[in-house]
Amino acid sequence: MSGNEHEISDSEKELKSVGLKATAPRMCILELFQRAHDAGTERHLTAEDIYKQLLAENIEVGLATVYRVLTQFESAGLIVRHYFGNDRATYEVDDGAHHDHIVCTRCGRVEEFMDKEIEKRQKQIANRMGFDLEGHSLSLYGVCADCRKKEKDRQK
C-alpha cells in the first residue's frame, strides 16, 4: 500500500460509496487495480496475478481472501470479470468505458479495442432480430505477432 494519504482517502471513499468497509486487504487490492489502470499497464488480472503482486510488495493477504474480495468488488460494480477461452477468470476495473477484447491463444495477452462500425453493426443485428440491446461482450481470439515470430523462429 502506498503512503500517500490522498490515494488512501480516495480508495476509502470508493469502497464506502459501494457499501464496503475499507479493510486493509480491500484497500490493497483496490489500489493495485487503480495503479494498473492509471498506468495503462496490464489491466486484466487473475486472482493469482493479484496474489503474486501483493506478495512481491510484502503484503500478506491469502489467496482465499483475494478471491473473496474480487467477488465483493464484482458484486459492487467496481470490477468486471471475463473468461477469455479458459477456465481462469480475469478481472479489470469497470471504468464505464465500453471496449472489446482480442486475446492471444498462445500467451494469453489481452488487448482492448473499440470500433464504432462493429458497435453499429451489433445494434443493427439486434434490431433486425427483434431485440433491444442492453449490452454485449465481444472477444476475438488469435495468435499475436510476438507468438507468431517465436513459432517461426523455432521452425528454423
N, C-alpha and C. Protein backbone atom coordinates (compact mmCIF):
# COMPACT_ATOMS: atom_id res chain seq x y z
N MET A 1 0.84 -1.17 0.00
CA MET A 1 0.00 0.00 0.00
C MET A 1 0.88 1.23 0.00
N SER A 2 0.48 2.26 -0.68
CA SER A 2 1.29 3.46 -0.74
C SER A 2 1.08 4.29 0.50
N GLY A 3 2.02 5.17 0.76
CA GLY A 3 1.91 6.03 1.93
C GLY A 3 1.18 7.30 1.63
N ASN A 4 0.75 7.50 0.41
CA ASN A 4 0.08 8.73 0.03
C ASN A 4 -1.34 8.71 0.58
N GLU A 5 -1.61 9.57 1.57
CA GLU A 5 -2.91 9.54 2.24
C GLU A 5 -4.04 9.98 1.32
N HIS A 6 -3.74 10.83 0.32
CA HIS A 6 -4.79 11.24 -0.61
C HIS A 6 -5.30 10.04 -1.39
N GLU A 7 -4.39 9.17 -1.85
CA GLU A 7 -4.81 7.97 -2.57
C GLU A 7 -5.64 7.07 -1.66
N ILE A 8 -5.19 6.90 -0.43
CA ILE A 8 -5.91 6.05 0.52
C ILE A 8 -7.30 6.63 0.75
N SER A 9 -7.37 7.91 0.92
CA SER A 9 -8.64 8.58 1.13
C SER A 9 -9.59 8.33 -0.04
N ASP A 10 -9.08 8.43 -1.27
CA ASP A 10 -9.90 8.18 -2.46
C ASP A 10 -10.37 6.73 -2.48
N SER A 11 -9.49 5.80 -2.13
CA SER A 11 -9.86 4.38 -2.11
C SER A 11 -10.93 4.12 -1.05
N GLU A 12 -10.73 4.70 0.11
CA GLU A 12 -11.72 4.53 1.19
C GLU A 12 -13.08 5.06 0.75
N LYS A 13 -13.08 6.23 0.12
CA LYS A 13 -14.34 6.82 -0.35
C LYS A 13 -15.00 5.91 -1.37
N GLU A 14 -14.20 5.36 -2.29
CA GLU A 14 -14.75 4.49 -3.32
C GLU A 14 -15.37 3.25 -2.70
N LEU A 15 -14.68 2.64 -1.76
CA LEU A 15 -15.21 1.44 -1.10
C LEU A 15 -16.49 1.78 -0.34
N LYS A 16 -16.46 2.86 0.41
CA LYS A 16 -17.64 3.24 1.19
C LYS A 16 -18.82 3.59 0.29
N SER A 17 -18.54 4.16 -0.89
CA SER A 17 -19.63 4.55 -1.80
C SER A 17 -20.38 3.34 -2.34
N VAL A 18 -19.75 2.16 -2.32
CA VAL A 18 -20.42 0.95 -2.79
C VAL A 18 -20.80 0.04 -1.62
N GLY A 19 -20.72 0.59 -0.41
CA GLY A 19 -21.19 -0.14 0.77
C GLY A 19 -20.21 -1.15 1.34
N LEU A 20 -18.91 -1.00 1.03
CA LEU A 20 -17.91 -1.91 1.57
C LEU A 20 -17.04 -1.20 2.61
N LYS A 21 -16.76 -1.89 3.68
CA LYS A 21 -15.87 -1.37 4.71
C LYS A 21 -14.44 -1.34 4.15
N ALA A 22 -13.69 -0.32 4.50
CA ALA A 22 -12.33 -0.15 3.99
C ALA A 22 -11.34 -0.98 4.80
N THR A 23 -11.35 -2.31 4.59
CA THR A 23 -10.39 -3.19 5.27
C THR A 23 -9.05 -3.13 4.55
N ALA A 24 -7.99 -3.53 5.23
CA ALA A 24 -6.65 -3.50 4.63
C ALA A 24 -6.57 -4.33 3.34
N PRO A 25 -7.07 -5.58 3.31
CA PRO A 25 -7.00 -6.33 2.05
C PRO A 25 -7.76 -5.66 0.90
N ARG A 26 -8.94 -5.14 1.19
CA ARG A 26 -9.71 -4.46 0.15
C ARG A 26 -8.96 -3.24 -0.37
N MET A 27 -8.39 -2.46 0.55
CA MET A 27 -7.66 -1.25 0.16
C MET A 27 -6.48 -1.62 -0.73
N CYS A 28 -5.71 -2.62 -0.33
CA CYS A 28 -4.52 -3.03 -1.09
C CYS A 28 -4.90 -3.50 -2.50
N ILE A 29 -5.93 -4.31 -2.58
CA ILE A 29 -6.34 -4.87 -3.88
C ILE A 29 -6.92 -3.77 -4.77
N LEU A 30 -7.73 -2.89 -4.20
CA LEU A 30 -8.30 -1.79 -4.99
C LEU A 30 -7.18 -0.88 -5.50
N GLU A 31 -6.21 -0.57 -4.65
CA GLU A 31 -5.10 0.30 -5.08
C GLU A 31 -4.27 -0.37 -6.17
N LEU A 32 -4.11 -1.68 -6.09
CA LEU A 32 -3.38 -2.41 -7.12
C LEU A 32 -4.08 -2.26 -8.47
N PHE A 33 -5.40 -2.44 -8.48
CA PHE A 33 -6.19 -2.26 -9.71
C PHE A 33 -6.09 -0.83 -10.21
N GLN A 34 -6.20 0.13 -9.28
CA GLN A 34 -6.16 1.54 -9.69
C GLN A 34 -4.81 1.92 -10.28
N ARG A 35 -3.73 1.44 -9.69
CA ARG A 35 -2.38 1.73 -10.22
C ARG A 35 -2.23 1.14 -11.62
N ALA A 36 -2.68 -0.10 -11.81
CA ALA A 36 -2.57 -0.73 -13.13
C ALA A 36 -3.41 0.03 -14.16
N HIS A 37 -4.60 0.44 -13.76
CA HIS A 37 -5.49 1.17 -14.67
C HIS A 37 -4.90 2.52 -15.02
N ASP A 38 -4.44 3.26 -14.02
CA ASP A 38 -3.89 4.61 -14.24
C ASP A 38 -2.61 4.57 -15.06
N ALA A 39 -1.79 3.55 -14.86
CA ALA A 39 -0.52 3.44 -15.57
C ALA A 39 -0.71 2.90 -16.98
N GLY A 40 -1.89 2.34 -17.26
CA GLY A 40 -2.15 1.76 -18.57
C GLY A 40 -1.38 0.46 -18.77
N THR A 41 -0.89 -0.11 -17.67
CA THR A 41 -0.17 -1.37 -17.76
C THR A 41 -1.18 -2.51 -17.80
N GLU A 42 -0.77 -3.69 -17.48
CA GLU A 42 -1.65 -4.87 -17.52
C GLU A 42 -2.92 -4.60 -16.73
N ARG A 43 -4.02 -4.49 -17.44
CA ARG A 43 -5.30 -4.18 -16.80
C ARG A 43 -6.12 -5.42 -16.51
N HIS A 44 -5.79 -6.53 -17.12
CA HIS A 44 -6.56 -7.75 -16.98
C HIS A 44 -5.80 -8.70 -16.08
N LEU A 45 -6.24 -8.81 -14.83
CA LEU A 45 -5.51 -9.55 -13.81
C LEU A 45 -6.30 -10.74 -13.32
N THR A 46 -5.61 -11.85 -13.09
CA THR A 46 -6.24 -13.01 -12.46
C THR A 46 -6.05 -12.88 -10.96
N ALA A 47 -6.78 -13.68 -10.20
CA ALA A 47 -6.61 -13.69 -8.74
C ALA A 47 -5.17 -14.05 -8.40
N GLU A 48 -4.59 -14.97 -9.15
CA GLU A 48 -3.21 -15.38 -8.91
C GLU A 48 -2.24 -14.24 -9.19
N ASP A 49 -2.49 -13.45 -10.25
CA ASP A 49 -1.65 -12.29 -10.55
C ASP A 49 -1.66 -11.31 -9.37
N ILE A 50 -2.86 -11.06 -8.86
CA ILE A 50 -3.01 -10.12 -7.75
C ILE A 50 -2.29 -10.65 -6.52
N TYR A 51 -2.48 -11.92 -6.22
CA TYR A 51 -1.84 -12.56 -5.07
C TYR A 51 -0.31 -12.42 -5.17
N LYS A 52 0.24 -12.71 -6.34
CA LYS A 52 1.70 -12.63 -6.54
C LYS A 52 2.20 -11.19 -6.39
N GLN A 53 1.44 -10.23 -6.91
CA GLN A 53 1.86 -8.83 -6.79
C GLN A 53 1.83 -8.38 -5.33
N LEU A 54 0.82 -8.82 -4.59
CA LEU A 54 0.75 -8.47 -3.17
C LEU A 54 1.93 -9.07 -2.41
N LEU A 55 2.25 -10.32 -2.71
CA LEU A 55 3.41 -10.97 -2.08
C LEU A 55 4.70 -10.22 -2.41
N ALA A 56 4.84 -9.79 -3.67
CA ALA A 56 6.04 -9.06 -4.10
C ALA A 56 6.17 -7.73 -3.36
N GLU A 57 5.05 -7.18 -2.92
CA GLU A 57 5.05 -5.92 -2.16
C GLU A 57 5.07 -6.19 -0.65
N ASN A 58 5.31 -7.44 -0.28
CA ASN A 58 5.34 -7.86 1.14
C ASN A 58 4.03 -7.57 1.87
N ILE A 59 2.93 -7.75 1.16
CA ILE A 59 1.60 -7.60 1.75
C ILE A 59 1.03 -8.99 1.91
N GLU A 60 0.81 -9.38 3.14
CA GLU A 60 0.34 -10.73 3.42
C GLU A 60 -1.18 -10.80 3.38
N VAL A 61 -1.68 -11.25 2.24
CA VAL A 61 -3.11 -11.47 2.04
C VAL A 61 -3.22 -12.86 1.40
N GLY A 62 -4.02 -13.72 1.97
CA GLY A 62 -4.17 -15.07 1.45
C GLY A 62 -4.92 -15.10 0.13
N LEU A 63 -4.68 -16.14 -0.65
CA LEU A 63 -5.34 -16.29 -1.94
C LEU A 63 -6.86 -16.37 -1.78
N ALA A 64 -7.34 -17.04 -0.73
CA ALA A 64 -8.78 -17.13 -0.49
C ALA A 64 -9.36 -15.73 -0.24
N THR A 65 -8.62 -14.89 0.45
CA THR A 65 -9.06 -13.51 0.70
C THR A 65 -9.12 -12.74 -0.61
N VAL A 66 -8.12 -12.94 -1.47
CA VAL A 66 -8.12 -12.27 -2.77
C VAL A 66 -9.39 -12.65 -3.54
N TYR A 67 -9.71 -13.93 -3.62
CA TYR A 67 -10.92 -14.38 -4.31
C TYR A 67 -12.18 -13.76 -3.69
N ARG A 68 -12.24 -13.74 -2.37
CA ARG A 68 -13.41 -13.17 -1.68
C ARG A 68 -13.56 -11.69 -2.00
N VAL A 69 -12.45 -10.94 -1.96
CA VAL A 69 -12.50 -9.50 -2.25
C VAL A 69 -12.90 -9.27 -3.72
N LEU A 70 -12.37 -10.07 -4.63
CA LEU A 70 -12.74 -9.92 -6.04
C LEU A 70 -14.23 -10.14 -6.25
N THR A 71 -14.79 -11.13 -5.59
CA THR A 71 -16.24 -11.38 -5.68
C THR A 71 -17.02 -10.19 -5.13
N GLN A 72 -16.56 -9.62 -4.02
CA GLN A 72 -17.23 -8.45 -3.44
C GLN A 72 -17.13 -7.25 -4.37
N PHE A 73 -15.95 -7.03 -4.95
CA PHE A 73 -15.76 -5.91 -5.87
C PHE A 73 -16.63 -6.07 -7.12
N GLU A 74 -16.73 -7.29 -7.62
CA GLU A 74 -17.56 -7.53 -8.80
C GLU A 74 -19.02 -7.25 -8.47
N SER A 75 -19.50 -7.75 -7.33
CA SER A 75 -20.89 -7.51 -6.93
C SER A 75 -21.17 -6.03 -6.74
N ALA A 76 -20.17 -5.28 -6.31
CA ALA A 76 -20.34 -3.85 -6.07
C ALA A 76 -20.17 -3.03 -7.35
N GLY A 77 -19.79 -3.66 -8.45
CA GLY A 77 -19.63 -2.94 -9.71
C GLY A 77 -18.31 -2.22 -9.88
N LEU A 78 -17.32 -2.54 -9.05
CA LEU A 78 -16.01 -1.90 -9.16
C LEU A 78 -15.15 -2.53 -10.25
N ILE A 79 -15.33 -3.84 -10.45
CA ILE A 79 -14.55 -4.57 -11.45
C ILE A 79 -15.47 -5.44 -12.29
N VAL A 80 -14.95 -5.89 -13.42
CA VAL A 80 -15.68 -6.76 -14.33
C VAL A 80 -14.87 -8.04 -14.48
N ARG A 81 -15.58 -9.18 -14.50
CA ARG A 81 -14.93 -10.47 -14.67
C ARG A 81 -15.12 -10.94 -16.11
N HIS A 82 -14.05 -11.50 -16.68
CA HIS A 82 -14.09 -12.07 -18.03
C HIS A 82 -13.52 -13.47 -17.99
N TYR A 83 -13.98 -14.29 -18.92
CA TYR A 83 -13.37 -15.59 -19.19
C TYR A 83 -12.94 -15.57 -20.64
N PHE A 84 -11.64 -15.54 -20.88
CA PHE A 84 -11.13 -15.46 -22.24
C PHE A 84 -10.70 -16.84 -22.74
N GLY A 85 -11.67 -17.72 -22.92
CA GLY A 85 -11.40 -19.01 -23.53
C GLY A 85 -10.66 -20.00 -22.65
N ASN A 86 -10.62 -19.74 -21.37
CA ASN A 86 -10.02 -20.71 -20.44
C ASN A 86 -10.84 -20.71 -19.16
N ASP A 87 -10.47 -21.50 -18.21
CA ASP A 87 -11.27 -21.61 -17.00
C ASP A 87 -10.83 -20.65 -15.90
N ARG A 88 -9.90 -19.76 -16.22
CA ARG A 88 -9.43 -18.78 -15.23
C ARG A 88 -10.09 -17.44 -15.47
N ALA A 89 -10.70 -16.90 -14.44
CA ALA A 89 -11.33 -15.59 -14.55
C ALA A 89 -10.26 -14.51 -14.58
N THR A 90 -10.51 -13.49 -15.37
CA THR A 90 -9.65 -12.32 -15.46
C THR A 90 -10.50 -11.11 -15.09
N TYR A 91 -9.91 -10.18 -14.35
CA TYR A 91 -10.66 -9.03 -13.84
C TYR A 91 -10.03 -7.74 -14.33
N GLU A 92 -10.89 -6.73 -14.50
CA GLU A 92 -10.40 -5.39 -14.82
C GLU A 92 -11.33 -4.36 -14.18
N VAL A 93 -10.81 -3.15 -13.97
CA VAL A 93 -11.59 -2.06 -13.39
C VAL A 93 -12.76 -1.75 -14.32
N ASP A 94 -13.93 -1.57 -13.73
CA ASP A 94 -15.10 -1.15 -14.50
C ASP A 94 -15.14 0.37 -14.50
N ASP A 95 -14.53 0.96 -15.52
CA ASP A 95 -14.48 2.42 -15.59
C ASP A 95 -15.63 3.01 -16.40
N GLY A 96 -16.56 2.16 -16.81
CA GLY A 96 -17.73 2.63 -17.54
C GLY A 96 -17.51 2.81 -19.03
N ALA A 97 -16.26 2.76 -19.48
CA ALA A 97 -15.97 2.93 -20.90
C ALA A 97 -16.06 1.57 -21.60
N HIS A 98 -16.91 1.49 -22.60
CA HIS A 98 -17.07 0.22 -23.31
C HIS A 98 -15.88 -0.06 -24.21
N HIS A 99 -15.46 -1.31 -24.24
CA HIS A 99 -14.43 -1.75 -25.17
C HIS A 99 -14.57 -3.26 -25.35
N ASP A 100 -13.97 -3.75 -26.40
CA ASP A 100 -13.96 -5.17 -26.69
C ASP A 100 -12.53 -5.68 -26.51
N HIS A 101 -12.33 -6.98 -26.68
CA HIS A 101 -11.03 -7.58 -26.41
C HIS A 101 -10.58 -8.48 -27.55
N ILE A 102 -9.26 -8.53 -27.75
CA ILE A 102 -8.66 -9.53 -28.62
C ILE A 102 -7.60 -10.24 -27.78
N VAL A 103 -7.64 -11.58 -27.83
CA VAL A 103 -6.86 -12.41 -26.91
C VAL A 103 -5.94 -13.33 -27.70
N CYS A 104 -4.67 -13.40 -27.29
CA CYS A 104 -3.74 -14.33 -27.91
C CYS A 104 -3.96 -15.72 -27.30
N THR A 105 -4.20 -16.70 -28.15
CA THR A 105 -4.47 -18.05 -27.67
C THR A 105 -3.20 -18.78 -27.24
N ARG A 106 -2.03 -18.19 -27.51
CA ARG A 106 -0.77 -18.82 -27.09
C ARG A 106 -0.29 -18.28 -25.74
N CYS A 107 -0.10 -16.96 -25.66
CA CYS A 107 0.48 -16.37 -24.44
C CYS A 107 -0.56 -15.77 -23.50
N GLY A 108 -1.80 -15.61 -23.98
CA GLY A 108 -2.86 -15.08 -23.14
C GLY A 108 -2.93 -13.56 -23.08
N ARG A 109 -2.07 -12.87 -23.83
CA ARG A 109 -2.10 -11.41 -23.84
C ARG A 109 -3.48 -10.92 -24.28
N VAL A 110 -3.97 -9.89 -23.60
CA VAL A 110 -5.28 -9.32 -23.90
C VAL A 110 -5.09 -7.87 -24.30
N GLU A 111 -5.63 -7.51 -25.44
CA GLU A 111 -5.62 -6.11 -25.90
C GLU A 111 -7.06 -5.63 -25.98
N GLU A 112 -7.26 -4.35 -25.72
CA GLU A 112 -8.58 -3.75 -25.79
C GLU A 112 -8.70 -2.95 -27.08
N PHE A 113 -9.91 -2.90 -27.62
CA PHE A 113 -10.15 -2.06 -28.78
C PHE A 113 -11.60 -1.61 -28.78
N MET A 114 -11.85 -0.55 -29.51
CA MET A 114 -13.19 -0.01 -29.69
C MET A 114 -13.34 0.33 -31.16
N ASP A 115 -14.37 -0.19 -31.80
CA ASP A 115 -14.59 0.05 -33.22
C ASP A 115 -16.05 0.46 -33.41
N LYS A 116 -16.25 1.69 -33.84
CA LYS A 116 -17.61 2.22 -33.99
C LYS A 116 -18.43 1.43 -35.01
N GLU A 117 -17.81 0.95 -36.07
CA GLU A 117 -18.53 0.17 -37.08
C GLU A 117 -19.04 -1.14 -36.50
N ILE A 118 -18.21 -1.82 -35.71
CA ILE A 118 -18.64 -3.07 -35.08
C ILE A 118 -19.80 -2.79 -34.13
N GLU A 119 -19.69 -1.73 -33.36
CA GLU A 119 -20.77 -1.37 -32.43
C GLU A 119 -22.06 -1.11 -33.18
N LYS A 120 -21.97 -0.37 -34.27
CA LYS A 120 -23.14 -0.04 -35.09
C LYS A 120 -23.77 -1.31 -35.66
N ARG A 121 -22.95 -2.21 -36.19
CA ARG A 121 -23.45 -3.45 -36.79
C ARG A 121 -24.14 -4.33 -35.74
N GLN A 122 -23.59 -4.40 -34.54
CA GLN A 122 -24.21 -5.21 -33.49
C GLN A 122 -25.61 -4.69 -33.16
N LYS A 123 -25.76 -3.38 -33.09
CA LYS A 123 -27.08 -2.80 -32.83
C LYS A 123 -28.04 -3.10 -33.97
N GLN A 124 -27.55 -3.00 -35.21
CA GLN A 124 -28.39 -3.30 -36.37
C GLN A 124 -28.85 -4.76 -36.35
N ILE A 125 -27.95 -5.66 -36.04
CA ILE A 125 -28.29 -7.09 -35.98
C ILE A 125 -29.33 -7.35 -34.90
N ALA A 126 -29.12 -6.76 -33.72
CA ALA A 126 -30.08 -6.93 -32.63
C ALA A 126 -31.46 -6.42 -33.05
N ASN A 127 -31.51 -5.24 -33.66
CA ASN A 127 -32.78 -4.68 -34.12
C ASN A 127 -33.44 -5.57 -35.16
N ARG A 128 -32.66 -6.06 -36.10
CA ARG A 128 -33.19 -6.92 -37.16
C ARG A 128 -33.79 -8.20 -36.57
N MET A 129 -33.22 -8.67 -35.48
CA MET A 129 -33.70 -9.90 -34.86
C MET A 129 -34.75 -9.64 -33.77
N GLY A 130 -35.17 -8.36 -33.65
CA GLY A 130 -36.24 -8.02 -32.72
C GLY A 130 -35.80 -7.86 -31.28
N PHE A 131 -34.51 -7.55 -31.05
CA PHE A 131 -34.00 -7.37 -29.70
C PHE A 131 -33.72 -5.91 -29.41
N ASP A 132 -33.98 -5.49 -28.18
CA ASP A 132 -33.48 -4.22 -27.67
C ASP A 132 -32.18 -4.56 -26.96
N LEU A 133 -31.06 -4.14 -27.52
CA LEU A 133 -29.75 -4.49 -27.00
C LEU A 133 -29.50 -3.77 -25.68
N GLU A 134 -29.20 -4.55 -24.64
CA GLU A 134 -28.90 -3.99 -23.31
C GLU A 134 -27.41 -3.98 -23.03
N GLY A 135 -26.66 -4.79 -23.75
CA GLY A 135 -25.23 -4.85 -23.55
C GLY A 135 -24.67 -5.98 -24.37
N HIS A 136 -23.35 -6.06 -24.43
CA HIS A 136 -22.72 -7.15 -25.16
C HIS A 136 -21.26 -7.29 -24.73
N SER A 137 -20.70 -8.41 -25.09
CA SER A 137 -19.30 -8.68 -24.83
C SER A 137 -18.73 -9.33 -26.09
N LEU A 138 -17.68 -8.74 -26.64
CA LEU A 138 -17.06 -9.28 -27.83
C LEU A 138 -15.59 -9.57 -27.53
N SER A 139 -15.20 -10.81 -27.74
CA SER A 139 -13.80 -11.21 -27.59
C SER A 139 -13.38 -11.93 -28.85
N LEU A 140 -12.30 -11.47 -29.45
CA LEU A 140 -11.73 -12.11 -30.62
C LEU A 140 -10.50 -12.89 -30.16
N TYR A 141 -10.23 -14.02 -30.81
CA TYR A 141 -9.12 -14.89 -30.43
C TYR A 141 -8.22 -15.13 -31.62
N GLY A 142 -6.91 -15.06 -31.40
CA GLY A 142 -5.94 -15.30 -32.46
C GLY A 142 -4.55 -15.44 -31.86
N VAL A 143 -3.55 -15.41 -32.71
CA VAL A 143 -2.16 -15.54 -32.27
C VAL A 143 -1.48 -14.19 -32.51
N CYS A 144 -0.91 -13.62 -31.47
CA CYS A 144 -0.28 -12.29 -31.56
C CYS A 144 1.01 -12.37 -32.39
N ALA A 145 1.49 -11.22 -32.82
CA ALA A 145 2.70 -11.14 -33.65
C ALA A 145 3.91 -11.72 -32.93
N ASP A 146 4.05 -11.46 -31.62
CA ASP A 146 5.20 -11.99 -30.87
C ASP A 146 5.20 -13.51 -30.87
N CYS A 147 4.05 -14.12 -30.62
CA CYS A 147 3.97 -15.59 -30.59
C CYS A 147 4.19 -16.18 -31.98
N ARG A 148 3.68 -15.51 -33.02
CA ARG A 148 3.91 -15.99 -34.39
C ARG A 148 5.40 -15.96 -34.72
N LYS A 149 6.07 -14.89 -34.28
CA LYS A 149 7.51 -14.77 -34.52
C LYS A 149 8.26 -15.88 -33.78
N LYS A 150 7.92 -16.12 -32.53
CA LYS A 150 8.58 -17.19 -31.75
C LYS A 150 8.38 -18.55 -32.41
N GLU A 151 7.16 -18.81 -32.89
CA GLU A 151 6.88 -20.08 -33.55
C GLU A 151 7.68 -20.21 -34.85
N LYS A 152 7.77 -19.11 -35.59
CA LYS A 152 8.53 -19.11 -36.84
C LYS A 152 10.02 -19.35 -36.56
N ASP A 153 10.55 -18.69 -35.51
CA ASP A 153 11.96 -18.85 -35.13
C ASP A 153 12.26 -20.29 -34.70
N ARG A 154 11.31 -20.94 -34.04
CA ARG A 154 11.51 -22.33 -33.60
C ARG A 154 11.55 -23.29 -34.78
N GLN A 155 10.86 -22.93 -35.84
CA GLN A 155 10.80 -23.80 -37.02
C GLN A 155 12.06 -23.74 -37.87
N LYS A 156 12.90 -22.75 -37.61
CA LYS A 156 14.14 -22.58 -38.41
C LYS A 156 15.16 -23.62 -38.05
